[in-house]
N, C-alpha and C. Protein backbone atom coordinates (compact mmCIF):
# COMPACT_ATOMS: atom_id res chain seq x y z
N UNK A 1 1.11 6.52 -3.30
CA UNK A 1 1.21 7.27 -2.08
C UNK A 1 2.58 7.93 -2.00
N UNK A 2 2.64 9.00 -1.28
CA UNK A 2 3.93 9.66 -1.10
C UNK A 2 4.32 9.63 0.36
N UNK A 3 5.43 10.33 0.68
CA UNK A 3 5.94 10.29 2.04
C UNK A 3 4.99 10.89 3.05
N UNK A 4 4.24 11.91 2.66
CA UNK A 4 3.29 12.51 3.60
C UNK A 4 2.16 11.54 3.93
N UNK A 5 1.73 10.75 2.94
CA UNK A 5 0.69 9.74 3.20
C UNK A 5 1.20 8.67 4.15
N UNK A 6 2.45 8.23 3.97
CA UNK A 6 2.99 7.21 4.87
C UNK A 6 3.13 7.79 6.28
N UNK A 7 3.45 9.06 6.39
CA UNK A 7 3.54 9.69 7.71
C UNK A 7 2.16 9.77 8.35
N UNK A 8 1.12 10.03 7.56
CA UNK A 8 -0.24 10.07 8.09
C UNK A 8 -0.67 8.69 8.59
N UNK A 9 -0.31 7.66 7.86
CA UNK A 9 -0.65 6.30 8.28
C UNK A 9 0.07 5.97 9.58
N UNK A 10 1.34 6.34 9.67
CA UNK A 10 2.08 6.10 10.91
C UNK A 10 1.47 6.85 12.09
N UNK A 11 0.98 8.06 11.83
CA UNK A 11 0.32 8.84 12.88
C UNK A 11 -0.95 8.13 13.36
N UNK A 12 -1.72 7.60 12.42
CA UNK A 12 -2.93 6.87 12.79
C UNK A 12 -2.60 5.62 13.61
N UNK A 13 -1.51 4.95 13.23
CA UNK A 13 -1.08 3.76 13.98
C UNK A 13 -0.70 4.17 15.41
N UNK A 14 0.02 5.28 15.54
CA UNK A 14 0.47 5.74 16.86
C UNK A 14 -0.70 6.15 17.75
N UNK A 15 -1.82 6.54 17.16
CA UNK A 15 -2.98 6.95 17.94
C UNK A 15 -3.70 5.79 18.61
N UNK A 16 -3.45 4.57 18.14
CA UNK A 16 -4.08 3.39 18.74
C UNK A 16 -3.31 3.06 20.02
N UNK A 17 -3.97 3.20 21.15
CA UNK A 17 -3.32 2.99 22.43
C UNK A 17 -3.62 1.62 23.05
N UNK A 18 -4.74 1.03 22.71
CA UNK A 18 -5.11 -0.27 23.26
C UNK A 18 -5.65 -1.16 22.14
N UNK A 19 -5.18 -2.40 22.13
CA UNK A 19 -5.67 -3.35 21.15
C UNK A 19 -5.46 -4.76 21.66
N UNK A 20 -6.22 -5.65 21.10
CA UNK A 20 -6.11 -7.06 21.48
C UNK A 20 -6.52 -7.91 20.29
N UNK A 21 -5.68 -8.87 19.93
CA UNK A 21 -6.06 -9.74 18.81
C UNK A 21 -7.14 -10.72 19.24
N UNK A 22 -7.90 -11.18 18.30
CA UNK A 22 -8.88 -12.20 18.59
C UNK A 22 -10.28 -11.80 18.18
N UNK A 23 -11.21 -12.68 18.52
CA UNK A 23 -12.60 -12.49 18.16
C UNK A 23 -13.45 -12.68 19.41
N UNK A 24 -14.31 -11.72 19.67
CA UNK A 24 -15.21 -11.79 20.81
C UNK A 24 -16.43 -12.61 20.40
N UNK A 25 -16.71 -13.68 21.14
CA UNK A 25 -17.80 -14.60 20.78
C UNK A 25 -18.75 -14.79 21.95
N UNK A 26 -19.99 -15.06 21.62
CA UNK A 26 -20.99 -15.41 22.63
C UNK A 26 -20.89 -16.91 22.87
N UNK A 27 -20.67 -17.29 24.12
CA UNK A 27 -20.58 -18.70 24.46
C UNK A 27 -21.98 -19.30 24.52
N UNK A 28 -22.83 -18.63 25.32
CA UNK A 28 -24.20 -19.10 25.47
C UNK A 28 -25.03 -17.99 26.07
N UNK A 29 -26.32 -18.17 26.04
CA UNK A 29 -27.24 -17.23 26.66
C UNK A 29 -27.56 -17.72 28.08
N UNK A 30 -27.46 -16.81 29.04
CA UNK A 30 -27.82 -17.13 30.42
C UNK A 30 -29.06 -16.36 30.82
N UNK A 31 -29.52 -16.54 32.04
CA UNK A 31 -30.71 -15.83 32.49
C UNK A 31 -30.49 -14.32 32.57
N UNK A 32 -29.25 -13.90 32.78
CA UNK A 32 -28.94 -12.47 32.88
C UNK A 32 -28.40 -11.88 31.58
N UNK A 33 -28.29 -12.68 30.56
CA UNK A 33 -27.76 -12.20 29.29
C UNK A 33 -26.68 -13.14 28.77
N UNK A 34 -26.03 -12.76 27.68
CA UNK A 34 -25.03 -13.65 27.06
C UNK A 34 -23.72 -13.69 27.87
N UNK A 35 -23.03 -14.84 27.74
CA UNK A 35 -21.69 -15.01 28.27
C UNK A 35 -20.73 -14.95 27.09
N UNK A 36 -19.60 -14.28 27.26
CA UNK A 36 -18.67 -14.07 26.16
C UNK A 36 -17.30 -14.69 26.46
N UNK A 37 -16.61 -15.00 25.39
CA UNK A 37 -15.19 -15.35 25.50
C UNK A 37 -14.44 -14.70 24.34
N UNK A 38 -13.13 -14.62 24.51
CA UNK A 38 -12.25 -14.06 23.48
C UNK A 38 -11.43 -15.21 22.93
N UNK A 39 -11.55 -15.44 21.63
CA UNK A 39 -10.81 -16.51 20.98
C UNK A 39 -9.66 -15.90 20.19
N UNK A 40 -8.45 -16.43 20.41
CA UNK A 40 -7.28 -15.95 19.67
C UNK A 40 -6.23 -17.04 19.63
N UNK A 41 -5.15 -16.76 18.94
CA UNK A 41 -4.01 -17.68 18.88
C UNK A 41 -2.90 -17.09 19.74
N UNK A 42 -2.31 -17.93 20.59
CA UNK A 42 -1.22 -17.50 21.45
C UNK A 42 -0.09 -18.52 21.31
N UNK A 43 1.02 -18.07 20.75
CA UNK A 43 2.18 -18.95 20.49
C UNK A 43 1.77 -20.17 19.66
N UNK A 44 0.94 -19.94 18.66
CA UNK A 44 0.55 -20.98 17.73
C UNK A 44 -0.59 -21.87 18.19
N UNK A 45 -1.11 -21.64 19.40
CA UNK A 45 -2.19 -22.47 19.91
C UNK A 45 -3.47 -21.65 20.04
N UNK A 46 -4.59 -22.29 19.75
CA UNK A 46 -5.89 -21.65 19.90
C UNK A 46 -6.20 -21.50 21.39
N UNK A 47 -6.56 -20.29 21.81
CA UNK A 47 -6.84 -20.00 23.22
C UNK A 47 -8.20 -19.31 23.32
N UNK A 48 -8.97 -19.68 24.32
CA UNK A 48 -10.24 -19.02 24.62
C UNK A 48 -10.17 -18.50 26.05
N UNK A 49 -10.51 -17.23 26.20
CA UNK A 49 -10.50 -16.60 27.53
C UNK A 49 -11.89 -16.06 27.83
N UNK A 50 -12.36 -16.33 29.02
CA UNK A 50 -13.65 -15.82 29.45
C UNK A 50 -13.56 -14.30 29.61
N UNK A 51 -14.59 -13.60 29.18
CA UNK A 51 -14.66 -12.14 29.31
C UNK A 51 -15.82 -11.80 30.24
N UNK A 52 -15.52 -11.20 31.39
CA UNK A 52 -16.60 -10.80 32.30
C UNK A 52 -17.55 -9.80 31.63
N UNK A 53 -18.79 -9.82 32.05
CA UNK A 53 -19.84 -9.01 31.43
C UNK A 53 -19.47 -7.52 31.42
N UNK A 54 -18.83 -7.04 32.48
CA UNK A 54 -18.50 -5.61 32.56
C UNK A 54 -17.34 -5.21 31.65
N UNK A 55 -16.65 -6.19 31.06
CA UNK A 55 -15.51 -5.89 30.18
C UNK A 55 -15.80 -6.13 28.70
N UNK A 56 -17.00 -6.55 28.37
CA UNK A 56 -17.33 -6.91 27.00
C UNK A 56 -17.15 -5.73 26.05
N UNK A 57 -17.66 -4.56 26.42
CA UNK A 57 -17.54 -3.39 25.53
C UNK A 57 -16.08 -3.00 25.32
N UNK A 58 -15.28 -3.05 26.39
CA UNK A 58 -13.86 -2.71 26.29
C UNK A 58 -13.13 -3.69 25.37
N UNK A 59 -13.38 -4.96 25.55
CA UNK A 59 -12.73 -5.98 24.72
C UNK A 59 -13.17 -5.84 23.26
N UNK A 60 -14.43 -5.54 23.03
CA UNK A 60 -14.93 -5.33 21.66
C UNK A 60 -14.21 -4.16 21.00
N UNK A 61 -14.01 -3.08 21.75
CA UNK A 61 -13.28 -1.92 21.23
C UNK A 61 -11.83 -2.28 20.94
N UNK A 62 -11.21 -3.02 21.86
CA UNK A 62 -9.80 -3.39 21.68
C UNK A 62 -9.58 -4.31 20.49
N UNK A 63 -10.50 -5.26 20.26
CA UNK A 63 -10.35 -6.14 19.10
C UNK A 63 -10.59 -5.37 17.81
N UNK A 64 -11.50 -4.40 17.86
CA UNK A 64 -11.72 -3.54 16.69
C UNK A 64 -10.47 -2.71 16.39
N UNK A 65 -9.84 -2.20 17.43
CA UNK A 65 -8.59 -1.44 17.26
C UNK A 65 -7.50 -2.29 16.64
N UNK A 66 -7.45 -3.57 17.02
CA UNK A 66 -6.43 -4.46 16.46
C UNK A 66 -6.67 -4.66 14.96
N UNK A 67 -7.92 -4.82 14.56
CA UNK A 67 -8.22 -4.96 13.12
C UNK A 67 -7.85 -3.69 12.36
N UNK A 68 -8.12 -2.52 12.95
CA UNK A 68 -7.72 -1.26 12.32
C UNK A 68 -6.20 -1.19 12.20
N UNK A 69 -5.50 -1.60 13.25
CA UNK A 69 -4.04 -1.61 13.25
C UNK A 69 -3.51 -2.47 12.11
N UNK A 70 -4.04 -3.67 11.96
CA UNK A 70 -3.60 -4.56 10.89
C UNK A 70 -3.84 -3.94 9.52
N UNK A 71 -4.99 -3.30 9.33
CA UNK A 71 -5.28 -2.66 8.04
C UNK A 71 -4.33 -1.50 7.77
N UNK A 72 -4.02 -0.72 8.81
CA UNK A 72 -3.10 0.41 8.64
C UNK A 72 -1.68 -0.06 8.34
N UNK A 73 -1.26 -1.14 8.98
CA UNK A 73 0.08 -1.68 8.71
C UNK A 73 0.16 -2.17 7.27
N UNK A 74 -0.90 -2.81 6.80
CA UNK A 74 -0.94 -3.27 5.41
C UNK A 74 -0.89 -2.08 4.45
N UNK A 75 -1.61 -1.02 4.79
CA UNK A 75 -1.62 0.19 3.97
C UNK A 75 -0.22 0.84 3.97
N UNK A 76 0.42 0.89 5.12
CA UNK A 76 1.77 1.47 5.21
C UNK A 76 2.76 0.65 4.39
N UNK A 77 2.68 -0.67 4.49
CA UNK A 77 3.58 -1.52 3.72
C UNK A 77 3.38 -1.30 2.22
N UNK A 78 2.14 -1.19 1.78
CA UNK A 78 1.86 -0.95 0.36
C UNK A 78 2.46 0.39 -0.08
N UNK A 79 2.37 1.39 0.79
CA UNK A 79 2.91 2.71 0.49
C UNK A 79 4.43 2.65 0.33
N UNK A 80 5.10 1.98 1.25
CA UNK A 80 6.57 1.88 1.19
C UNK A 80 7.01 1.05 -0.01
N UNK A 81 6.29 -0.01 -0.31
CA UNK A 81 6.62 -0.84 -1.48
C UNK A 81 6.50 -0.02 -2.75
N UNK A 82 5.41 0.75 -2.86
CA UNK A 82 5.21 1.59 -4.05
C UNK A 82 6.33 2.64 -4.16
N UNK A 83 6.67 3.24 -3.04
CA UNK A 83 7.73 4.25 -3.01
C UNK A 83 9.07 3.64 -3.42
N UNK A 84 9.36 2.44 -2.92
CA UNK A 84 10.62 1.76 -3.25
C UNK A 84 10.69 1.44 -4.74
N UNK A 85 9.60 0.94 -5.29
CA UNK A 85 9.59 0.58 -6.71
C UNK A 85 9.71 1.82 -7.59
N UNK A 86 9.09 2.92 -7.17
CA UNK A 86 9.18 4.16 -7.93
C UNK A 86 10.61 4.68 -7.94
N UNK A 87 11.25 4.67 -6.77
CA UNK A 87 12.65 5.13 -6.69
C UNK A 87 13.56 4.25 -7.52
N UNK A 88 13.34 2.94 -7.47
CA UNK A 88 14.17 2.03 -8.23
C UNK A 88 13.99 2.24 -9.73
N UNK A 89 12.76 2.51 -10.15
CA UNK A 89 12.48 2.72 -11.57
C UNK A 89 13.11 4.01 -12.08
N UNK A 90 13.17 5.03 -11.24
CA UNK A 90 13.75 6.30 -11.69
C UNK A 90 15.27 6.27 -11.66
N UNK A 91 15.85 5.37 -10.88
CA UNK A 91 17.30 5.30 -10.77
C UNK A 91 17.94 4.29 -11.70
N UNK A 92 17.14 3.58 -12.47
CA UNK A 92 17.68 2.57 -13.38
C UNK A 92 18.31 3.27 -14.58
N UNK A 93 19.52 2.90 -14.86
CA UNK A 93 20.21 3.45 -16.04
C UNK A 93 20.26 2.35 -17.09
N UNK A 94 20.19 2.78 -18.32
CA UNK A 94 20.31 1.81 -19.40
C UNK A 94 21.74 1.28 -19.42
N UNK A 95 21.84 -0.01 -19.58
CA UNK A 95 23.16 -0.61 -19.68
C UNK A 95 23.68 -0.40 -21.09
N UNK A 96 24.88 0.12 -21.17
CA UNK A 96 25.48 0.30 -22.49
C UNK A 96 26.35 -0.91 -22.78
N UNK A 97 26.33 -1.29 -24.01
CA UNK A 97 27.12 -2.44 -24.41
C UNK A 97 28.58 -2.02 -24.48
N UNK A 98 29.40 -2.69 -23.69
CA UNK A 98 30.82 -2.35 -23.69
C UNK A 98 31.52 -3.13 -24.80
N UNK A 99 32.41 -2.42 -25.44
CA UNK A 99 33.17 -3.03 -26.52
C UNK A 99 34.23 -3.93 -25.92
N UNK A 100 34.27 -5.15 -26.36
CA UNK A 100 35.26 -6.09 -25.84
C UNK A 100 36.42 -6.18 -26.81
N UNK A 101 37.57 -6.21 -26.23
CA UNK A 101 38.79 -6.31 -27.02
C UNK A 101 38.97 -7.74 -27.52
N UNK A 102 39.59 -7.87 -28.65
CA UNK A 102 39.87 -9.21 -29.16
C UNK A 102 41.13 -9.79 -28.52
N UNK A 103 41.88 -8.96 -27.82
CA UNK A 103 43.09 -9.42 -27.14
C UNK A 103 42.71 -9.97 -25.76
N UNK A 104 43.19 -11.16 -25.43
CA UNK A 104 42.89 -11.70 -24.09
C UNK A 104 43.63 -10.92 -23.01
N UNK A 105 43.00 -10.78 -21.88
CA UNK A 105 43.63 -10.08 -20.77
C UNK A 105 44.67 -10.98 -20.13
N UNK A 106 45.80 -10.42 -19.87
CA UNK A 106 46.85 -11.18 -19.21
C UNK A 106 46.70 -11.11 -17.70
N UNK A 107 47.37 -12.00 -17.03
CA UNK A 107 47.33 -11.98 -15.59
C UNK A 107 48.16 -10.82 -15.08
N UNK A 108 47.66 -10.19 -14.04
CA UNK A 108 48.41 -9.09 -13.43
C UNK A 108 49.45 -9.69 -12.49
N UNK A 109 50.56 -9.03 -12.45
CA UNK A 109 51.59 -9.52 -11.53
C UNK A 109 51.25 -9.08 -10.11
N UNK A 110 51.66 -9.85 -9.13
CA UNK A 110 51.33 -9.56 -7.75
C UNK A 110 52.38 -8.65 -7.10
N UNK A 111 53.34 -8.16 -7.84
CA UNK A 111 54.36 -7.29 -7.26
C UNK A 111 54.00 -5.84 -7.32
């Protein structure tokens, strides 16, 4: 990837306005339809939050956006890593063997 590709990935990341980590799950079936909760980790602990029926579609969209965000960040990181390695490979100079003198170096005076 080149710099324009990394800029495109950043643009796609910036377009995501709402996201939420976690997984939307059906708790159980009720007489009016399924009940949902959102399962995620918060400060290292597993958390489940009830999702009202009227918010299920919104939460599903937001969790999908979060997965897209994670994939784009991974893609951006891969792009920057590739770019860094390419730059480093082109800037490497061959080390030339320096001729060493047979005379020992003396200490320099501090004056």
